[in-house]
């Protein structure tokens, strides 16, 4: 089979398409023929070395496809069943070995592309909005990268939960997209002072929660956008990691809370994963959250997909087609 591999960290150019043996599922495992492989920012962090992985390595953590073989003891799935998964390293490949406890049956009506492009992002949005800092009707929240893959899902979901969403985008071309996905107001970071604009929109109070996946470039603006006792949810590093800071800063800014969640803590057990996925599939089925068709790249073009993602040339989600 063909798979994307890398043997050193660095830029997108370290990714290579290689021929490797098709694996055989062991006890408790399932072999999945991937129809679409999701591309996520966490993949770029692992490729660059920001999030270390043992090398040489495959890349990618989610895909959707069809079960082609079952390992000993697997009874929850059948050959030919449509499935999806996340948090399984090496998903940029024609086939993946997936522990049955991490596999999910794909509901009818959810296309492979949609599943592969939205599972990790949708589970992330669900965890942030419903567990990290539960959003309540009437809340005003600030969401950075509102036109991105997680952002488009999360802003729709937050609006569905009754929140007033202030979205942040990088340029004017993304404003309409953010508004179409649930943002009541949109701040353009390239020409507006984010914190000052948030204060204007909240009568000087600030917001009770900021969801920030940008990192270094927006850290100060996020802090300055929060109301007293507000929560800073830092869940990504698109512009680079946040520099170390003194906890005293949080007290000076209004006795703030700061958290750095990662999805996999929230779905660390099979029951937690299946509960979260059922929640996601329910809002997709209801139409409360709509997933735009993702941008498709060939598996061989994984490096270009990474380059485009890091350059913020894309909106929404990306998938690789094996």
Protein backbone atom coordinates (compact mmCIF):
# COMPACT_ATOMS: atom_id res chain seq x y z
CA UNK A 1 0.00 0.00 0.00
CA UNK A 2 1.01 3.64 -0.28
CA UNK A 3 1.46 5.82 2.79
CA UNK A 4 2.90 9.20 3.72
CA UNK A 5 6.00 8.85 5.91
CA UNK A 6 8.67 11.14 7.33
CA UNK A 7 12.02 10.33 8.93
CA UNK A 8 12.99 13.82 10.15
CA UNK A 9 11.09 16.84 11.37
CA UNK A 10 10.84 20.03 9.36
CA UNK A 11 8.70 21.73 6.75
CA UNK A 12 6.18 20.09 4.42
CA UNK A 13 9.04 18.90 2.22
CA UNK A 14 9.96 16.16 4.72
CA UNK A 15 6.79 14.26 3.81
CA UNK A 16 7.25 11.43 1.32
CA UNK A 17 4.91 8.96 -0.36
CA UNK A 18 6.24 5.43 0.17
CA UNK A 19 5.24 1.86 -0.65
CA UNK A 20 4.91 -0.13 2.58
CA UNK A 21 3.43 -3.54 3.40
CA UNK A 22 -0.32 -3.65 3.91
CA UNK A 23 -0.77 -4.50 7.61
CA UNK A 24 -2.72 -7.43 9.03
CA UNK A 25 -5.05 -6.81 11.98
CA UNK A 26 -4.15 -8.45 15.26
CA UNK A 27 -6.41 -9.31 18.15
CA UNK A 28 -8.87 -6.50 18.83
CA UNK A 29 -7.94 -4.65 15.64
CA UNK A 30 -9.68 -3.77 12.37
CA UNK A 31 -8.20 -3.14 8.92
CA UNK A 32 -9.82 -0.15 7.23
CA UNK A 33 -9.46 0.80 3.57
CA UNK A 34 -9.37 4.59 3.78
CA UNK A 35 -11.55 6.53 1.37
CA UNK A 36 -10.65 9.97 2.75
CA UNK A 37 -7.98 11.06 5.23
CA UNK A 38 -8.42 14.20 7.31
CA UNK A 39 -5.72 16.88 7.46
CA UNK A 40 -5.48 18.79 10.74
CA UNK A 41 -3.21 21.39 12.32
CA UNK A 42 -2.00 18.83 14.86
CA UNK A 43 -0.45 16.95 11.92
CA UNK A 44 1.71 19.98 11.13
CA UNK A 45 2.80 20.21 14.77
CA UNK A 46 3.94 16.58 14.70
CA UNK A 47 5.68 16.98 11.35
CA UNK A 48 7.53 20.10 12.51
CA UNK A 49 8.62 18.59 15.82
CA UNK A 50 6.51 20.91 18.00
CA UNK A 51 4.71 17.78 19.18
CA UNK A 52 7.44 15.08 19.19
CA UNK A 53 6.76 11.63 17.73
CA UNK A 54 9.08 8.65 17.36
CA UNK A 55 10.73 8.67 13.93
CA UNK A 56 10.45 7.38 11.27
CA UNK A 57 6.68 7.71 11.38
CA UNK A 58 3.47 7.88 9.47
CA UNK A 59 1.26 10.93 9.84
CA UNK A 60 -2.39 11.83 10.14
CA UNK A 61 -4.87 10.83 12.82
CA UNK A 62 -8.28 10.44 11.22
CA UNK A 63 -9.94 8.90 8.20
CA UNK A 64 -13.14 7.31 6.97
CA UNK A 65 -13.54 4.20 4.90
CA UNK A 66 -14.66 0.58 4.86
CA UNK A 67 -13.79 -2.39 7.07
CA UNK A 68 -11.84 -4.95 5.04
CA UNK A 69 -10.62 -7.39 7.71
CA UNK A 70 -11.25 -8.16 11.38
CA UNK A 71 -8.76 -9.29 13.97
CA UNK A 72 -9.43 -12.00 16.51
CA UNK A 73 -12.10 -11.12 19.05
CA UNK A 74 -13.67 -8.23 17.15
CA UNK A 75 -17.46 -8.56 17.15
CA UNK A 76 -18.70 -4.95 17.05
CA UNK A 77 -17.95 -4.49 13.35
CA UNK A 78 -18.35 -6.41 10.09
CA UNK A 79 -16.47 -6.50 6.80
CA UNK A 80 -17.93 -3.96 4.39
CA UNK A 81 -19.19 -1.62 7.14
CA UNK A 82 -18.55 2.09 6.73
CA UNK A 83 -16.52 3.46 9.62
CA UNK A 84 -14.51 6.44 10.77
CA UNK A 85 -11.82 7.00 13.37
CA UNK A 86 -9.54 9.55 14.95
CA UNK A 87 -6.51 9.51 17.28
CA UNK A 88 -4.85 6.70 15.30
CA UNK A 89 -1.43 7.72 14.01
CA UNK A 90 -0.56 7.05 10.37
CA UNK A 91 -3.94 7.74 8.76
CA UNK A 92 -2.35 9.30 5.65
CA UNK A 93 -2.40 5.89 3.96
CA UNK A 94 -4.46 3.61 1.77
CA UNK A 95 -5.12 1.30 4.74
CA UNK A 96 -5.09 1.74 8.51
CA UNK A 97 -5.03 -0.64 11.43
CA UNK A 98 -7.48 0.68 14.02
CA UNK A 99 -8.15 -0.69 17.52
CA UNK A 100 -11.82 -1.66 17.57
CA UNK A 101 -12.27 0.37 20.76
CA UNK A 102 -11.38 3.54 18.79
CA UNK A 103 -13.53 2.83 15.73
CA UNK A 104 -16.94 4.37 15.06
CA UNK A 105 -19.73 3.23 12.76
CA UNK A 106 -20.44 5.93 10.21
CA UNK A 107 -24.14 6.88 10.07
CA UNK A 108 -26.03 6.79 6.80
CA UNK A 109 -26.08 10.18 5.15
CA UNK A 110 -22.61 11.20 6.37
CA UNK A 111 -20.22 11.02 3.41
CA UNK A 112 -16.65 9.76 3.77
CA UNK A 113 -15.21 13.20 2.96
CA UNK A 114 -17.44 14.86 5.55
CA UNK A 115 -16.55 12.33 8.25
CA UNK A 116 -12.83 12.45 7.57
CA UNK A 117 -12.80 16.23 7.53
CA UNK A 118 -15.02 16.81 10.55
CA UNK A 119 -14.59 14.07 13.15
CA UNK A 120 -11.51 15.41 14.93
CA UNK A 121 -12.59 19.00 14.44
CA UNK A 122 -16.18 18.29 15.46
CA UNK A 123 -15.16 16.34 18.56
CA UNK A 124 -12.80 19.19 19.42
CA UNK A 125 -15.58 21.77 19.07
CA UNK A 126 -17.95 19.63 21.12
CA UNK A 127 -15.41 19.16 23.93
CA UNK A 128 -14.58 22.86 24.11
CA UNK A 129 -18.16 24.09 24.00
CA UNK A 130 -19.80 21.47 26.20
CA UNK A 131 -17.08 20.31 28.61
CA UNK A 132 -14.07 22.67 28.86
CA UNK A 133 -16.26 25.70 29.47
CA UNK A 134 -19.91 24.84 28.82
CA UNK A 135 -21.60 27.51 26.73
CA UNK A 136 -24.99 28.65 27.97
CA UNK A 137 -27.81 30.52 26.20
CA UNK A 138 -27.10 34.23 26.35
CA UNK A 139 -23.31 33.88 26.64
CA UNK A 140 -21.13 36.06 24.43
CA UNK A 141 -18.00 34.20 23.34
CA UNK A 142 -14.93 35.08 21.28
CA UNK A 143 -13.69 32.52 18.76
CA UNK A 144 -10.41 32.96 16.90
CA UNK A 145 -9.91 31.53 13.38
CA UNK A 146 -13.67 31.49 12.91
CA UNK A 147 -13.35 30.65 9.21
CA UNK A 148 -11.09 27.66 9.86
CA UNK A 149 -12.05 24.01 10.05
CA UNK A 150 -12.77 23.86 13.79
CA UNK A 151 -14.06 27.42 13.76
CA UNK A 152 -16.79 26.84 11.19
CA UNK A 153 -18.15 23.89 13.15
CA UNK A 154 -17.80 25.50 16.58
CA UNK A 155 -19.40 28.83 15.71
CA UNK A 156 -22.46 27.10 14.25
CA UNK A 157 -22.69 24.85 17.29
CA UNK A 158 -22.25 27.72 19.75
CA UNK A 159 -24.98 29.71 18.02
CA UNK A 160 -27.20 26.61 18.15
CA UNK A 161 -26.57 26.49 21.92
CA UNK A 162 -27.84 30.05 22.20
CA UNK A 163 -24.57 31.97 22.37
CA UNK A 164 -23.76 35.27 20.75
CA UNK A 165 -20.55 34.54 18.83
CA UNK A 166 -17.90 37.12 18.06
CA UNK A 167 -15.61 35.61 15.45
CA UNK A 168 -12.08 36.64 14.51
CA UNK A 169 -10.80 36.16 10.96
CA UNK A 170 -7.59 37.11 9.22
CA UNK A 171 -8.92 39.13 6.30
CA UNK A 172 -12.07 40.70 4.85
CA UNK A 173 -12.60 37.83 2.40
CA UNK A 174 -13.48 35.54 5.32
CA UNK A 175 -16.06 37.80 6.98
CA UNK A 176 -19.06 36.56 5.01
CA UNK A 177 -18.09 32.94 5.66
CA UNK A 178 -17.84 33.53 9.40
CA UNK A 179 -21.24 35.24 9.48
CA UNK A 180 -22.79 32.42 7.46
CA UNK A 181 -21.54 30.01 10.11
CA UNK A 182 -23.14 31.64 13.12
CA UNK A 183 -21.04 34.67 14.03
CA UNK A 184 -23.12 37.65 15.10
CA UNK A 185 -20.11 39.97 14.74
CA UNK A 186 -16.77 39.45 13.02
CA UNK A 187 -13.44 41.12 13.80
CA UNK A 188 -10.78 41.28 11.08
CA UNK A 189 -7.46 40.87 12.88
CA UNK A 190 -5.37 42.32 10.04
CA UNK A 191 -6.95 45.76 10.43
CA UNK A 192 -8.73 45.88 13.80
CA UNK A 193 -7.63 45.88 17.43
CA UNK A 194 -9.26 42.68 18.66
CA UNK A 195 -9.47 43.53 22.36
CA UNK A 196 -10.65 47.08 21.77
CA UNK A 197 -13.35 45.89 19.41
CA UNK A 198 -14.48 43.22 21.88
CA UNK A 199 -14.84 45.89 24.56
CA UNK A 200 -16.93 47.98 22.18
CA UNK A 201 -19.20 45.04 21.43
CA UNK A 202 -19.65 44.14 25.10
CA UNK A 203 -20.14 47.62 26.58
CA UNK A 204 -16.66 47.50 28.07
CA UNK A 205 -17.21 44.26 29.98
CA UNK A 206 -15.31 41.74 27.86
CA UNK A 207 -16.33 38.15 27.20
CA UNK A 208 -16.56 35.29 29.71
CA UNK A 209 -14.58 32.92 27.49
CA UNK A 210 -12.12 33.10 24.61
CA UNK A 211 -11.36 30.08 22.44
CA UNK A 212 -7.92 30.60 20.89
CA UNK A 213 -6.25 28.21 18.46
CA UNK A 214 -3.85 30.79 17.02
CA UNK A 215 -1.42 30.92 19.93
CA UNK A 216 1.50 33.35 20.10
CA UNK A 217 0.09 36.11 17.88
CA UNK A 218 -3.24 36.44 19.68
CA UNK A 219 -2.27 35.68 23.29
CA UNK A 220 -2.27 39.28 24.49
CA UNK A 221 -5.44 40.20 22.61
CA UNK A 222 -7.23 37.19 24.09
CA UNK A 223 -6.21 38.08 27.64
CA UNK A 224 -7.34 41.66 27.14
CA UNK A 225 -10.71 40.56 25.74
CA UNK A 226 -11.77 38.67 28.85
CA UNK A 227 -14.18 39.82 31.52
CA UNK A 228 -13.20 39.36 35.17
CA UNK A 229 -13.16 35.66 36.10
CA UNK A 230 -13.16 34.83 32.39
CA UNK A 231 -11.60 31.70 30.92
CA UNK A 232 -8.84 31.62 28.31
CA UNK A 233 -9.11 28.34 26.39
CA UNK A 234 -5.86 27.89 24.46
CA UNK A 235 -6.23 24.90 22.15
CA UNK A 236 -3.81 25.46 19.28
CA UNK A 237 -0.59 27.05 18.07
CA UNK A 238 -1.22 28.09 14.47
CA UNK A 239 1.12 31.09 14.83
CA UNK A 240 3.50 29.33 17.23
CA UNK A 241 3.26 28.32 20.88
CA UNK A 242 2.43 30.82 23.61
CA UNK A 243 5.57 31.95 25.43
CA UNK A 244 5.91 31.06 29.12
CA UNK A 245 4.18 33.57 31.37
CA UNK A 246 3.78 34.20 35.08
CA UNK A 247 0.53 33.06 36.73
CA UNK A 248 0.49 36.52 38.33
CA UNK A 249 -0.54 37.88 34.93
CA UNK A 250 -3.88 36.11 35.27
CA UNK A 251 -4.61 37.82 38.57
CA UNK A 252 -3.62 41.20 37.17
CA UNK A 253 -6.01 40.79 34.23
CA UNK A 254 -9.03 39.99 36.40
CA UNK A 255 -8.50 36.70 38.24
CA UNK A 256 -8.69 34.82 34.96
CA UNK A 257 -8.68 31.08 34.33
CA UNK A 258 -6.32 29.56 31.75
CA UNK A 259 -6.54 26.04 30.33
CA UNK A 260 -4.71 24.14 27.59
CA UNK A 261 -6.98 21.22 26.67
CA UNK A 262 -6.29 18.44 24.21
CA UNK A 263 -9.11 16.46 22.65
CA UNK A 264 -7.70 13.06 23.44
CA UNK A 265 -8.10 13.58 27.19
CA UNK A 266 -11.81 14.14 26.60
CA UNK A 267 -12.29 10.96 24.54
CA UNK A 268 -9.76 8.76 26.33
CA UNK A 269 -12.18 5.87 26.86
CA UNK A 270 -14.49 4.11 24.42
CA UNK A 271 -17.68 5.27 26.22
CA UNK A 272 -16.46 8.89 26.22
CA UNK A 273 -15.53 8.68 22.54
CA UNK A 274 -18.84 7.15 21.50
CA UNK A 275 -20.85 9.63 23.60
CA UNK A 276 -19.04 12.58 22.04
CA UNK A 277 -19.36 11.16 18.52
CA UNK A 278 -23.08 10.52 18.98
CA UNK A 279 -23.48 14.15 20.03
CA UNK A 280 -21.60 15.31 16.94
CA UNK A 281 -23.49 13.04 14.54
CA UNK A 282 -26.78 14.25 16.07
CA UNK A 283 -26.13 17.92 15.33
CA UNK A 284 -24.98 17.00 11.82
CA UNK A 285 -28.13 14.96 11.24
CA UNK A 286 -30.36 17.75 12.55
CA UNK A 287 -28.76 20.33 10.28
CA UNK A 288 -27.81 22.52 13.24
CA UNK A 289 -24.21 22.16 12.09
CA UNK A 290 -23.47 21.92 8.39
CA UNK A 291 -20.10 20.82 7.05
CA UNK A 292 -18.93 22.41 3.82
CA UNK A 293 -17.40 20.01 1.30
CA UNK A 294 -13.69 19.86 2.10
CA UNK A 295 -10.86 20.80 -0.21
CA UNK A 296 -9.46 17.57 -1.69
CA UNK A 297 -5.81 16.75 -2.36
CA UNK A 298 -4.31 13.55 -3.67
CA UNK A 299 -2.46 11.47 -1.07
CA UNK A 300 0.75 12.20 -2.95
CA UNK A 301 0.13 15.93 -2.47
CA UNK A 302 0.13 15.85 1.33
CA UNK A 303 3.08 18.27 1.47
CA UNK A 304 1.15 20.84 -0.58
CA UNK A 305 -1.87 20.44 1.69
CA UNK A 306 0.34 21.18 4.70
CA UNK A 307 1.91 24.19 3.00
CA UNK A 308 -1.49 25.64 2.13
CA UNK A 309 -2.85 25.00 5.62
CA UNK A 310 0.09 26.67 7.37
CA UNK A 311 -0.03 29.64 5.00
CA UNK A 312 -3.71 30.10 5.92
CA UNK A 313 -4.61 29.89 2.23
CA UNK A 314 -7.54 27.58 2.95
CA UNK A 315 -10.93 27.86 4.61
CA UNK A 316 -12.78 24.97 6.12
CA UNK A 317 -11.32 21.47 6.03
CA UNK A 318 -8.87 19.49 3.92
CA UNK A 319 -8.78 15.80 3.03
CA UNK A 320 -6.39 13.51 1.20
CA UNK A 321 -7.77 11.01 -1.30
CA UNK A 322 -5.76 7.74 -1.29
